[in-house]
Amino acid sequence: MDMSFLGDESFADDPDGAVHDVAQVMPGDDLDDPGNHLWMHADGRVWDLGPAELDTDDDGVSDSLTRNGPDGITVYTDSDRDGQVDKITNVDTQGVFSSRALDPDSGIWVPTDSGRLG
């Protein structure tokens, strides 16, 4: 499975393996609690992406996190509050975006939207 959506390229570019977040921490978030982390699975592995840091649907609950990479940013979202990422949106440096949603029955990432910002 192509794992480039996890930002693997950015890890290779940074000698310390650092990932630079563009996010805002919500008041009251316990970032050290693994129960507040977003996760996803692929190829028999579970990926702990870290704590949700953004409230993208304005319901008062952090549900997303962002990751910068050399080609743009990726937003990982848990839309149903179970901790599992079920939507991924990539925005490249030219403003072109694409979104995918996880089909819960098949486990396949299905394209949902694409276009250009601006």
PDB file of N, CA and C in Angstrom:
ATOM      1  N   MET A   1       0.838  -1.184   0.000  1.00  0.00           N
ATOM      2  CA  MET A   1       0.000   0.000   0.000  1.00  0.00           C
ATOM      3  C   MET A   1       0.876   1.237   0.000  1.00  0.00           C
ATOM      4  N   ASP A   2       0.497   2.211  -0.790  1.00  0.00           N
ATOM      5  CA  ASP A   2       1.226   3.470  -0.840  1.00  0.00           C
ATOM      6  C   ASP A   2       0.968   4.254   0.448  1.00  0.00           C
ATOM      7  N   MET A   3       2.008   4.466   1.261  1.00  0.00           N
ATOM      8  CA  MET A   3       1.869   5.158   2.539  1.00  0.00           C
ATOM      9  C   MET A   3       2.335   6.599   2.441  1.00  0.00           C
ATOM     10  N   SER A   4       2.466   7.135   1.240  1.00  0.00           N
ATOM     11  CA  SER A   4       2.957   8.498   1.086  1.00  0.00           C
ATOM     12  C   SER A   4       2.033   9.508   1.747  1.00  0.00           C
ATOM     13  N   PHE A   5       0.743   9.169   1.901  1.00  0.00           N
ATOM     14  CA  PHE A   5      -0.182  10.091   2.550  1.00  0.00           C
ATOM     15  C   PHE A   5       0.159  10.298   4.015  1.00  0.00           C
ATOM     16  N   LEU A   6       1.022   9.448   4.589  1.00  0.00           N
ATOM     17  CA  LEU A   6       1.457   9.642   5.974  1.00  0.00           C
ATOM     18  C   LEU A   6       2.614  10.610   6.071  1.00  0.00           C
ATOM     19  N   GLY A   7       3.085  11.079   4.937  1.00  0.00           N
ATOM     20  CA  GLY A   7       4.157  12.068   4.956  1.00  0.00           C
ATOM     21  C   GLY A   7       5.528  11.447   5.069  1.00  0.00           C
ATOM     22  N   ASP A   8       5.694  10.203   4.636  1.00  0.00           N
ATOM     23  CA  ASP A   8       6.992   9.525   4.762  1.00  0.00           C
ATOM     24  C   ASP A   8       8.114  10.310   4.107  1.00  0.00           C
ATOM     25  N   GLU A   9       7.824  11.053   3.019  1.00  0.00           N
ATOM     26  CA  GLU A   9       8.878  11.805   2.356  1.00  0.00           C
ATOM     27  C   GLU A   9       9.465  12.857   3.290  1.00  0.00           C
ATOM     28  N   SER A  10       8.608  13.481   4.101  1.00  0.00           N
ATOM     29  CA  SER A  10       9.097  14.546   4.979  1.00  0.00           C
ATOM     30  C   SER A  10      10.023  13.992   6.055  1.00  0.00           C
ATOM     31  N   PHE A  11       9.820  12.753   6.471  1.00  0.00           N
ATOM     32  CA  PHE A  11      10.713  12.155   7.454  1.00  0.00           C
ATOM     33  C   PHE A  11      12.111  11.995   6.871  1.00  0.00           C
ATOM     34  N   ALA A  12      12.161  11.629   5.598  1.00  0.00           N
ATOM     35  CA  ALA A  12      13.457  11.419   4.959  1.00  0.00           C
ATOM     36  C   ALA A  12      14.213  12.733   4.782  1.00  0.00           C
ATOM     37  N   ASP A  13      13.495  13.831   4.584  1.00  0.00           N
ATOM     38  CA  ASP A  13      14.140  15.111   4.354  1.00  0.00           C
ATOM     39  C   ASP A  13      14.696  15.747   5.622  1.00  0.00           C
ATOM     40  N   ASP A  14      14.165  15.405   6.781  1.00  0.00           N
ATOM     41  CA  ASP A  14      14.588  16.000   8.037  1.00  0.00           C
ATOM     42  C   ASP A  14      15.495  15.011   8.756  1.00  0.00           C
ATOM     43  N   PRO A  15      16.755  15.366   9.028  1.00  0.00           N
ATOM     44  CA  PRO A  15      17.681  14.411   9.637  1.00  0.00           C
ATOM     45  C   PRO A  15      17.234  13.945  11.018  1.00  0.00           C
ATOM     46  N   ASP A  16      16.431  14.731  11.717  1.00  0.00           N
ATOM     47  CA  ASP A  16      15.946  14.336  13.033  1.00  0.00           C
ATOM     48  C   ASP A  16      14.617  13.605  12.956  1.00  0.00           C
ATOM     49  N   GLY A  17      14.052  13.491  11.753  1.00  0.00           N
ATOM     50  CA  GLY A  17      12.764  12.836  11.596  1.00  0.00           C
ATOM     51  C   GLY A  17      11.615  13.664  12.139  1.00  0.00           C
ATOM     52  N   ALA A  18      11.838  14.956  12.344  1.00  0.00           N
ATOM     53  CA  ALA A  18      10.818  15.811  12.930  1.00  0.00           C
ATOM     54  C   ALA A  18       9.680  16.056  11.948  1.00  0.00           C
ATOM     55  N   VAL A  19       8.502  16.176  12.498  1.00  0.00           N
ATOM     56  CA  VAL A  19       7.329  16.543  11.724  1.00  0.00           C
ATOM     57  C   VAL A  19       6.867  17.876  12.277  1.00  0.00           C
ATOM     58  N   HIS A  20       6.631  18.819  11.414  1.00  0.00           N
ATOM     59  CA  HIS A  20       6.244  20.147  11.843  1.00  0.00           C
ATOM     60  C   HIS A  20       4.747  20.311  11.683  1.00  0.00           C
ATOM     61  N   ASP A  21       4.060  20.491  12.802  1.00  0.00           N
ATOM     62  CA  ASP A  21       2.613  20.619  12.794  1.00  0.00           C
ATOM     63  C   ASP A  21       2.190  22.047  12.519  1.00  0.00           C
ATOM     64  N   VAL A  22       1.056  22.170  11.863  1.00  0.00           N
ATOM     65  CA  VAL A  22       0.384  23.451  11.735  1.00  0.00           C
ATOM     66  C   VAL A  22      -0.979  23.205  12.350  1.00  0.00           C
ATOM     67  N   ALA A  23      -1.117  23.527  13.622  1.00  0.00           N
ATOM     68  CA  ALA A  23      -2.343  23.199  14.322  1.00  0.00           C
ATOM     69  C   ALA A  23      -2.494  24.083  15.548  1.00  0.00           C
ATOM     70  N   GLN A  24      -3.705  24.077  16.072  1.00  0.00           N
ATOM     71  CA  GLN A  24      -3.989  24.803  17.298  1.00  0.00           C
ATOM     72  C   GLN A  24      -4.512  23.801  18.306  1.00  0.00           C
ATOM     73  N   VAL A  25      -3.952  23.815  19.497  1.00  0.00           N
ATOM     74  CA  VAL A  25      -4.399  22.924  20.556  1.00  0.00           C
ATOM     75  C   VAL A  25      -5.621  23.550  21.211  1.00  0.00           C
ATOM     76  N   MET A  26      -6.649  22.743  21.410  1.00  0.00           N
ATOM     77  CA  MET A  26      -7.883  23.231  22.022  1.00  0.00           C
ATOM     78  C   MET A  26      -7.744  23.233  23.543  1.00  0.00           C
ATOM     79  N   PRO A  27      -8.345  24.206  24.234  1.00  0.00           N
ATOM     80  CA  PRO A  27      -8.297  24.245  25.696  1.00  0.00           C
ATOM     81  C   PRO A  27      -8.855  22.957  26.280  1.00  0.00           C
ATOM     82  N   GLY A  28      -8.187  22.454  27.304  1.00  0.00           N
ATOM     83  CA  GLY A  28      -8.653  21.251  27.975  1.00  0.00           C
ATOM     84  C   GLY A  28      -8.213  19.961  27.331  1.00  0.00           C
ATOM     85  N   ASP A  29      -7.560  20.007  26.184  1.00  0.00           N
ATOM     86  CA  ASP A  29      -7.081  18.778  25.542  1.00  0.00           C
ATOM     87  C   ASP A  29      -5.951  18.180  26.361  1.00  0.00           C
ATOM     88  N   ASP A  30      -6.027  16.884  26.635  1.00  0.00           N
ATOM     89  CA  ASP A  30      -4.953  16.177  27.323  1.00  0.00           C
ATOM     90  C   ASP A  30      -4.128  15.478  26.248  1.00  0.00           C
ATOM     91  N   LEU A  31      -3.082  16.151  25.770  1.00  0.00           N
ATOM     92  CA  LEU A  31      -2.311  15.655  24.639  1.00  0.00           C
ATOM     93  C   LEU A  31      -1.462  14.437  24.972  1.00  0.00           C
ATOM     94  N   ASP A  32      -1.237  14.181  26.269  1.00  0.00           N
ATOM     95  CA  ASP A  32      -0.422  13.032  26.654  1.00  0.00           C
ATOM     96  C   ASP A  32      -1.238  11.747  26.750  1.00  0.00           C
ATOM     97  N   ASP A  33      -2.552  11.825  26.728  1.00  0.00           N
ATOM     98  CA  ASP A  33      -3.421  10.662  26.836  1.00  0.00           C
ATOM     99  C   ASP A  33      -3.519   9.975  25.476  1.00  0.00           C
ATOM    100  N   PRO A  34      -2.991   8.743  25.349  1.00  0.00           N
ATOM    101  CA  PRO A  34      -3.057   8.045  24.056  1.00  0.00           C
ATOM    102  C   PRO A  34      -4.487   7.852  23.565  1.00  0.00           C
ATOM    103  N   GLY A  35      -5.450   7.894  24.465  1.00  0.00           N
ATOM    104  CA  GLY A  35      -6.846   7.777  24.072  1.00  0.00           C
ATOM    105  C   GLY A  35      -7.325   8.959  23.245  1.00  0.00           C
ATOM    106  N   ASN A  36      -6.577  10.055  23.287  1.00  0.00           N
ATOM    107  CA  ASN A  36      -6.924  11.231  22.492  1.00  0.00           C
ATOM    108  C   ASN A  36      -6.181  11.269  21.170  1.00  0.00           C
ATOM    109  N   HIS A  37      -5.408  10.243  20.872  1.00  0.00           N
ATOM    110  CA  HIS A  37      -4.638  10.209  19.634  1.00  0.00           C
ATOM    111  C   HIS A  37      -5.489   9.699  18.480  1.00  0.00           C
ATOM    112  N   LEU A  38      -5.167  10.195  17.298  1.00  0.00           N
ATOM    113  CA  LEU A  38      -5.778   9.667  16.088  1.00  0.00           C
ATOM    114  C   LEU A  38      -4.922   8.510  15.582  1.00  0.00           C
ATOM    115  N   TRP A  39      -5.542   7.527  14.997  1.00  0.00           N
ATOM    116  CA  TRP A  39      -4.817   6.373  14.499  1.00  0.00           C
ATOM    117  C   TRP A  39      -5.439   5.908  13.190  1.00  0.00           C
ATOM    118  N   MET A  40      -4.658   5.136  12.473  1.00  0.00           N
ATOM    119  CA  MET A  40      -5.141   4.485  11.263  1.00  0.00           C
ATOM    120  C   MET A  40      -4.380   3.185  11.085  1.00  0.00           C
ATOM    121  N   HIS A  41      -4.914   2.298  10.304  1.00  0.00           N
ATOM    122  CA  HIS A  41      -4.221   1.030  10.069  1.00  0.00           C
ATOM    123  C   HIS A  41      -4.081   0.782   8.580  1.00  0.00           C
ATOM    124  N   ALA A  42      -2.989   0.108   8.238  1.00  0.00           N
ATOM    125  CA  ALA A  42      -2.711  -0.265   6.855  1.00  0.00           C
ATOM    126  C   ALA A  42      -1.702  -1.402   6.862  1.00  0.00           C
ATOM    127  N   ASP A  43      -1.910  -2.344   5.999  1.00  0.00           N
ATOM    128  CA  ASP A  43      -0.978  -3.461   5.838  1.00  0.00           C
ATOM    129  C   ASP A  43      -0.675  -4.164   7.166  1.00  0.00           C
ATOM    130  N   GLY A  44      -1.694  -4.314   8.002  1.00  0.00           N
ATOM    131  CA  GLY A  44      -1.527  -5.040   9.250  1.00  0.00           C
ATOM    132  C   GLY A  44      -0.838  -4.251  10.350  1.00  0.00           C
ATOM    133  N   ARG A  45      -0.578  -2.966  10.124  1.00  0.00           N
ATOM    134  CA  ARG A  45       0.055  -2.130  11.152  1.00  0.00           C
ATOM    135  C   ARG A  45      -0.890  -1.012  11.562  1.00  0.00           C
ATOM    136  N   VAL A  46      -0.754  -0.588  12.822  1.00  0.00           N
ATOM    137  CA  VAL A  46      -1.517   0.546  13.323  1.00  0.00           C
ATOM    138  C   VAL A  46      -0.563   1.721  13.444  1.00  0.00           C
ATOM    139  N   TRP A  47      -0.992   2.879  12.935  1.00  0.00           N
ATOM    140  CA  TRP A  47      -0.187   4.091  12.960  1.00  0.00           C
ATOM    141  C   TRP A  47      -0.793   5.059  13.963  1.00  0.00           C
ATOM    142  N   ASP A  48      -0.057   5.393  15.013  1.00  0.00           N
ATOM    143  CA  ASP A  48      -0.477   6.409  15.975  1.00  0.00           C
ATOM    144  C   ASP A  48       0.003   7.747  15.441  1.00  0.00           C
ATOM    145  N   LEU A  49      -0.922   8.599  15.021  1.00  0.00           N
ATOM    146  CA  LEU A  49      -0.567   9.867  14.398  1.00  0.00           C
ATOM    147  C   LEU A  49      -0.418  10.995  15.411  1.00  0.00           C
ATOM    148  N   GLY A  50      -0.757  10.746  16.653  1.00  0.00           N
ATOM    149  CA  GLY A  50      -0.669  11.772  17.681  1.00  0.00           C
ATOM    150  C   GLY A  50      -2.036  12.338  18.000  1.00  0.00           C
ATOM    151  N   PRO A  51      -2.063  13.328  18.870  1.00  0.00           N
ATOM    152  CA  PRO A  51      -3.344  13.868  19.330  1.00  0.00           C
ATOM    153  C   PRO A  51      -4.036  14.734  18.280  1.00  0.00           C
ATOM    154  N   ALA A  52      -5.365  14.676  18.296  1.00  0.00           N
ATOM    155  CA  ALA A  52      -6.162  15.579  17.470  1.00  0.00           C
ATOM    156  C   ALA A  52      -5.954  16.988  18.010  1.00  0.00           C
ATOM    157  N   GLU A  53      -5.731  17.935  17.101  1.00  0.00           N
ATOM    158  CA  GLU A  53      -5.374  19.283  17.519  1.00  0.00           C
ATOM    159  C   GLU A  53      -6.307  20.353  16.978  1.00  0.00           C
ATOM    160  N   LEU A  54      -7.150  20.003  16.029  1.00  0.00           N
ATOM    161  CA  LEU A  54      -8.054  20.971  15.397  1.00  0.00           C
ATOM    162  C   LEU A  54      -9.497  20.510  15.494  1.00  0.00           C
ATOM    163  N   ASP A  55     -10.388  21.453  15.629  1.00  0.00           N
ATOM    164  CA  ASP A  55     -11.814  21.182  15.581  1.00  0.00           C
ATOM    165  C   ASP A  55     -12.308  21.661  14.225  1.00  0.00           C
ATOM    166  N   THR A  56     -12.389  20.758  13.248  1.00  0.00           N
ATOM    167  CA  THR A  56     -12.712  21.173  11.882  1.00  0.00           C
ATOM    168  C   THR A  56     -14.200  21.328  11.631  1.00  0.00           C
ATOM    169  N   ASP A  57     -15.054  20.804  12.515  1.00  0.00           N
ATOM    170  CA  ASP A  57     -16.495  20.938  12.296  1.00  0.00           C
ATOM    171  C   ASP A  57     -17.158  21.842  13.336  1.00  0.00           C
ATOM    172  N   ASP A  58     -16.347  22.530  14.136  1.00  0.00           N
ATOM    173  CA  ASP A  58     -16.823  23.536  15.092  1.00  0.00           C
ATOM    174  C   ASP A  58     -17.842  22.991  16.091  1.00  0.00           C
ATOM    175  N   ASP A  59     -17.601  21.738  16.563  1.00  0.00           N
ATOM    176  CA  ASP A  59     -18.494  21.176  17.575  1.00  0.00           C
ATOM    177  C   ASP A  59     -17.866  21.178  18.972  1.00  0.00           C
ATOM    178  N   GLY A  60     -16.681  21.801  19.096  1.00  0.00           N
ATOM    179  CA  GLY A  60     -16.017  21.886  20.390  1.00  0.00           C
ATOM    180  C   GLY A  60     -15.115  20.715  20.713  1.00  0.00           C
ATOM    181  N   VAL A  61     -14.983  19.764  19.791  1.00  0.00           N
ATOM    182  CA  VAL A  61     -14.149  18.579  20.003  1.00  0.00           C
ATOM    183  C   VAL A  61     -13.064  18.542  18.935  1.00  0.00           C
ATOM    184  N   SER A  62     -11.808  18.425  19.374  1.00  0.00           N
ATOM    185  CA  SER A  62     -10.709  18.301  18.417  1.00  0.00           C
ATOM    186  C   SER A  62     -10.857  16.988  17.665  1.00  0.00           C
ATOM    187  N   ASP A  63     -10.827  17.056  16.329  1.00  0.00           N
ATOM    188  CA  ASP A  63     -11.068  15.861  15.520  1.00  0.00           C
ATOM    189  C   ASP A  63     -10.039  15.652  14.417  1.00  0.00           C
ATOM    190  N   SER A  64      -9.078  16.564  14.290  1.00  0.00           N
ATOM    191  CA  SER A  64      -8.146  16.494  13.159  1.00  0.00           C
ATOM    192  C   SER A  64      -6.753  16.928  13.575  1.00  0.00           C
ATOM    193  N   LEU A  65      -5.796  16.569  12.741  1.00  0.00           N
ATOM    194  CA  LEU A  65      -4.433  17.074  12.881  1.00  0.00           C
ATOM    195  C   LEU A  65      -3.874  17.294  11.500  1.00  0.00           C
ATOM    196  N   THR A  66      -2.880  18.142  11.408  1.00  0.00           N
ATOM    197  CA  THR A  66      -2.272  18.422  10.108  1.00  0.00           C
ATOM    198  C   THR A  66      -0.803  18.067  10.152  1.00  0.00           C
ATOM    199  N   ARG A  67      -0.262  17.766   8.993  1.00  0.00           N
ATOM    200  CA  ARG A  67       1.162  17.500   8.840  1.00  0.00           C
ATOM    201  C   ARG A  67       1.656  18.226   7.598  1.00  0.00           C
ATOM    202  N   ASN A  68       2.759  18.912   7.758  1.00  0.00           N
ATOM    203  CA  ASN A  68       3.427  19.569   6.628  1.00  0.00           C
ATOM    204  C   ASN A  68       4.362  18.584   5.963  1.00  0.00           C
ATOM    205  N   GLY A  69       4.493  18.701   4.677  1.00  0.00           N
ATOM    206  CA  GLY A  69       5.452  17.921   3.920  1.00  0.00           C
ATOM    207  C   GLY A  69       6.012  18.792   2.815  1.00  0.00           C
ATOM    208  N   PRO A  70       6.980  18.301   2.092  1.00  0.00           N
ATOM    209  CA  PRO A  70       7.593  19.097   1.035  1.00  0.00           C
ATOM    210  C   PRO A  70       6.628  19.444  -0.097  1.00  0.00           C
ATOM    211  N   ASP A  71       5.546  18.696  -0.228  1.00  0.00           N
ATOM    212  CA  ASP A  71       4.602  18.917  -1.323  1.00  0.00           C
ATOM    213  C   ASP A  71       3.321  19.614  -0.888  1.00  0.00           C
ATOM    214  N   GLY A  72       3.192  19.990   0.410  1.00  0.00           N
ATOM    215  CA  GLY A  72       1.981  20.648   0.893  1.00  0.00           C
ATOM    216  C   GLY A  72       1.623  20.174   2.287  1.00  0.00           C
ATOM    217  N   ILE A  73       0.325  20.178   2.601  1.00  0.00           N
ATOM    218  CA  ILE A  73      -0.127  19.721   3.911  1.00  0.00           C
ATOM    219  C   ILE A  73      -1.149  18.605   3.742  1.00  0.00           C
ATOM    220  N   THR A  74      -1.275  17.803   4.793  1.00  0.00           N
ATOM    221  CA  THR A  74      -2.273  16.746   4.844  1.00  0.00           C
ATOM    222  C   THR A  74      -3.059  16.920   6.134  1.00  0.00           C
ATOM    223  N   VAL A  75      -4.384  16.827   6.024  1.00  0.00           N
ATOM    224  CA  VAL A  75      -5.267  16.906   7.184  1.00  0.00           C
ATOM    225  C   VAL A  75      -5.862  15.518   7.404  1.00  0.00           C
ATOM    226  N   TYR A  76      -5.674  14.987   8.618  1.00  0.00           N
ATOM    227  CA  TYR A  76      -6.218  13.688   9.006  1.00  0.00           C
ATOM    228  C   TYR A  76      -7.385  13.961   9.946  1.00  0.00           C
ATOM    229  N   THR A  77      -8.559  13.405   9.655  1.00  0.00           N
ATOM    230  CA  THR A  77      -9.763  13.705  10.427  1.00  0.00           C
ATOM    231  C   THR A  77     -10.466  12.439  10.888  1.00  0.00           C
ATOM    232  N   ASP A  78     -10.930  12.469  12.128  1.00  0.00           N
ATOM    233  CA  ASP A  78     -11.802  11.445  12.692  1.00  0.00           C
ATOM    234  C   ASP A  78     -13.185  12.075  12.816  1.00  0.00           C
ATOM    235  N   SER A  79     -14.058  11.809  11.861  1.00  0.00           N
ATOM    236  CA  SER A  79     -15.350  12.492  11.820  1.00  0.00           C
ATOM    237  C   SER A  79     -16.407  11.879  12.735  1.00  0.00           C
ATOM    238  N   ASP A  80     -16.167  10.660  13.253  1.00  0.00           N
ATOM    239  CA  ASP A  80     -17.185  10.020  14.089  1.00  0.00           C
ATOM    240  C   ASP A  80     -16.737   9.782  15.532  1.00  0.00           C
ATOM    241  N   ARG A  81     -15.639  10.402  15.930  1.00  0.00           N
ATOM    242  CA  ARG A  81     -15.140  10.412  17.318  1.00  0.00           C
ATOM    243  C   ARG A  81     -14.744   9.033  17.864  1.00  0.00           C
ATOM    244  N   ASP A  82     -14.333   8.116  16.999  1.00  0.00           N
ATOM    245  CA  ASP A  82     -13.878   6.819  17.514  1.00  0.00           C
ATOM    246  C   ASP A  82     -12.352   6.721  17.563  1.00  0.00           C
ATOM    247  N   GLY A  83     -11.655   7.777  17.149  1.00  0.00           N
ATOM    248  CA  GLY A  83     -10.198   7.797  17.178  1.00  0.00           C
ATOM    249  C   GLY A  83      -9.549   7.400  15.865  1.00  0.00           C
ATOM    250  N   GLN A  84     -10.279   6.664  15.037  1.00  0.00           N
ATOM    251  CA  GLN A  84      -9.729   6.217  13.761  1.00  0.00           C
ATOM    252  C   GLN A  84      -9.912   7.300  12.701  1.00  0.00           C
ATOM    253  N   VAL A  85      -8.827   7.612  12.002  1.00  0.00           N
ATOM    254  CA  VAL A  85      -8.905   8.558  10.894  1.00  0.00           C
ATOM    255  C   VAL A  85      -9.813   7.973   9.825  1.00  0.00           C
ATOM    256  N   ASP A  86     -10.806   8.754   9.409  1.00  0.00           N
ATOM    257  CA  ASP A  86     -11.709   8.274   8.364  1.00  0.00           C
ATOM    258  C   ASP A  86     -11.820   9.256   7.205  1.00  0.00           C
ATOM    259  N   LYS A  87     -11.036  10.331   7.253  1.00  0.00           N
ATOM    260  CA  LYS A  87     -10.976  11.258   6.121  1.00  0.00           C
ATOM    261  C   LYS A  87      -9.573  11.839   6.045  1.00  0.00           C
ATOM    262  N   ILE A  88      -9.034  11.896   4.845  1.00  0.00           N
ATOM    263  CA  ILE A  88      -7.706  12.470   4.608  1.00  0.00           C
ATOM    264  C   ILE A  88      -7.824  13.465   3.464  1.00  0.00           C
ATOM    265  N   THR A  89      -7.313  14.672   3.702  1.00  0.00           N
ATOM    266  CA  THR A  89      -7.313  15.701   2.665  1.00  0.00           C
ATOM    267  C   THR A  89      -5.888  16.189   2.453  1.00  0.00           C
ATOM    268  N   ASN A  90      -5.440  16.168   1.213  1.00  0.00           N
ATOM    269  CA  ASN A  90      -4.127  16.693   0.835  1.00  0.00           C
ATOM    270  C   ASN A  90      -4.325  18.007   0.097  1.00  0.00           C
ATOM    271  N   VAL A  91      -3.494  19.005   0.432  1.00  0.00           N
ATOM    272  CA  VAL A  91      -3.475  20.265  -0.296  1.00  0.00           C
ATOM    273  C   VAL A  91      -2.032  20.505  -0.705  1.00  0.00           C
ATOM    274  N   ASP A  92      -1.777  20.591  -2.014  1.00  0.00           N
ATOM    275  CA  ASP A  92      -0.398  20.778  -2.461  1.00  0.00           C
ATOM    276  C   ASP A  92      -0.032  22.259  -2.461  1.00  0.00           C
ATOM    277  N   THR A  93       1.206  22.543  -2.773  1.00  0.00           N
ATOM    278  CA  THR A  93       1.726  23.911  -2.705  1.00  0.00           C
ATOM    279  C   THR A  93       1.095  24.832  -3.749  1.00  0.00           C
ATOM    280  N   GLN A  94       0.413  24.270  -4.734  1.00  0.00           N
ATOM    281  CA  GLN A  94      -0.269  25.063  -5.753  1.00  0.00           C
ATOM    282  C   GLN A  94      -1.754  25.268  -5.433  1.00  0.00           C
ATOM    283  N   GLY A  95      -2.216  24.718  -4.297  1.00  0.00           N
ATOM    284  CA  GLY A  95      -3.613  24.858  -3.909  1.00  0.00           C
ATOM    285  C   GLY A  95      -4.532  23.778  -4.436  1.00  0.00           C
ATOM    286  N   VAL A  96      -3.969  22.753  -5.054  1.00  0.00           N
ATOM    287  CA  VAL A  96      -4.770  21.635  -5.549  1.00  0.00           C
ATOM    288  C   VAL A  96      -5.019  20.685  -4.374  1.00  0.00           C
ATOM    289  N   PHE A  97      -6.292  20.315  -4.173  1.00  0.00           N
ATOM    290  CA  PHE A  97      -6.615  19.429  -3.058  1.00  0.00           C
ATOM    291  C   PHE A  97      -7.312  18.173  -3.537  1.00  0.00           C
ATOM    292  N   SER A  98      -7.198  17.135  -2.710  1.00  0.00           N
ATOM    293  CA  SER A  98      -7.944  15.901  -2.932  1.00  0.00           C
ATOM    294  C   SER A  98      -8.280  15.316  -1.565  1.00  0.00           C
ATOM    295  N   SER A  99      -9.478  14.769  -1.463  1.00  0.00           N
ATOM    296  CA  SER A  99      -9.938  14.166  -0.211  1.00  0.00           C
ATOM    297  C   SER A  99     -10.325  12.716  -0.463  1.00  0.00           C
ATOM    298  N   ARG A 100     -10.095  11.911   0.561  1.00  0.00           N
ATOM    299  CA  ARG A 100     -10.492  10.506   0.529  1.00  0.00           C
ATOM    300  C   ARG A 100     -11.176  10.179   1.848  1.00  0.00           C
ATOM    301  N   ALA A 101     -12.156   9.293   1.803  1.00  0.00           N
ATOM    302  CA  ALA A 101     -12.842   8.823   3.002  1.00  0.00           C
ATOM    303  C   ALA A 101     -12.686   7.307   3.087  1.00  0.00           C
ATOM    304  N   LEU A 102     -12.575   6.830   4.305  1.00  0.00           N
ATOM    305  CA  LEU A 102     -12.432   5.397   4.538  1.00  0.00           C
ATOM    306  C   LEU A 102     -13.802   4.734   4.477  1.00  0.00           C
ATOM    307  N   ASP A 103     -13.947   3.774   3.571  1.00  0.00           N
ATOM    308  CA  ASP A 103     -15.177   2.981   3.514  1.00  0.00           C
ATOM    309  C   ASP A 103     -15.108   1.974   4.658  1.00  0.00           C
ATOM    310  N   PRO A 104     -16.000   2.072   5.651  1.00  0.00           N
ATOM    311  CA  PRO A 104     -15.897   1.202   6.825  1.00  0.00           C
ATOM    312  C   PRO A 104     -16.132  -0.276   6.519  1.00  0.00           C
ATOM    313  N   ASP A 105     -16.859  -0.570   5.464  1.00  0.00           N
ATOM    314  CA  ASP A 105     -17.128  -1.971   5.136  1.00  0.00           C
ATOM    315  C   ASP A 105     -15.954  -2.649   4.443  1.00  0.00           C
ATOM    316  N   SER A 106     -15.330  -1.931   3.505  1.00  0.00           N
ATOM    317  CA  SER A 106     -14.248  -2.539   2.728  1.00  0.00           C
ATOM    318  C   SER A 106     -12.858  -2.180   3.253  1.00  0.00           C
ATOM    319  N   GLY A 107     -12.755  -1.068   4.015  1.00  0.00           N
ATOM    320  CA  GLY A 107     -11.446  -0.601   4.462  1.00  0.00           C
ATOM    321  C   GLY A 107     -10.664   0.105   3.365  1.00  0.00           C
ATOM    322  N   ILE A 108     -11.325   0.426   2.271  1.00  0.00           N
ATOM    323  CA  ILE A 108     -10.677   1.076   1.133  1.00  0.00           C
ATOM    324  C   ILE A 108     -10.882   2.586   1.227  1.00  0.00           C
ATOM    325  N   TRP A 109      -9.818   3.339   0.888  1.00  0.00           N
ATOM    326  CA  TRP A 109      -9.902   4.789   0.836  1.00  0.00           C
ATOM    327  C   TRP A 109     -10.516   5.190  -0.493  1.00  0.00           C
ATOM    328  N   VAL A 110     -11.677   5.849  -0.437  1.00  0.00           N
ATOM    329  CA  VAL A 110     -12.450   6.210  -1.623  1.00  0.00           C
ATOM    330  C   VAL A 110     -12.325   7.715  -1.873  1.00  0.00           C
ATOM    331  N   PRO A 111     -11.941   8.126  -3.093  1.00  0.00           N
ATOM    332  CA  PRO A 111     -11.891   9.555  -3.394  1.00  0.00           C
ATOM    333  C   PRO A 111     -13.264  10.195  -3.224  1.00  0.00           C
ATOM    334  N   THR A 112     -13.293  11.368  -2.564  1.00  0.00           N
ATOM    335  CA  THR A 112     -14.575  12.028  -2.307  1.00  0.00           C
ATOM    336  C   THR A 112     -14.670  13.411  -2.931  1.00  0.00           C
ATOM    337  N   ASP A 113     -13.560  14.120  -3.041  1.00  0.00           N
ATOM    338  CA  ASP A 113     -13.599  15.484  -3.542  1.00  0.00           C
ATOM    339  C   ASP A 113     -12.213  15.869  -4.036  1.00  0.00           C
ATOM    340  N   SER A 114     -12.176  16.785  -4.984  1.00  0.00           N
ATOM    341  CA  SER A 114     -10.900  17.313  -5.451  1.00  0.00           C
ATOM    342  C   SER A 114     -11.160  18.638  -6.136  1.00  0.00           C
ATOM    343  N   GLY A 115     -10.124  19.420  -6.278  1.00  0.00           N
ATOM    344  CA  GLY A 115     -10.257  20.707  -6.935  1.00  0.00           C
ATOM    345  C   GLY A 115      -9.078  21.596  -6.641  1.00  0.00           C
ATOM    346  N   ARG A 116      -9.325  22.875  -6.741  1.00  0.00           N
ATOM    347  CA  ARG A 116      -8.266  23.860  -6.510  1.00  0.00           C
ATOM    348  C   ARG A 116      -8.814  24.953  -5.614  1.00  0.00           C
ATOM    349  N   LEU A 117      -8.050  25.340  -4.600  1.00  0.00           N
ATOM    350  CA  LEU A 117      -8.445  26.408  -3.708  1.00  0.00           C
ATOM    351  C   LEU A 117      -8.162  27.753  -4.377  1.00  0.00           C
ATOM    352  N   GLY A 118      -9.009  28.709  -4.091  1.00  0.00           N
ATOM    353  CA  GLY A 118      -8.745  30.068  -4.571  1.00  0.00           C
ATOM    354  C   GLY A 118      -9.381  30.439  -5.820  1.00  0.00           C
TER     355      GLY A 118
END
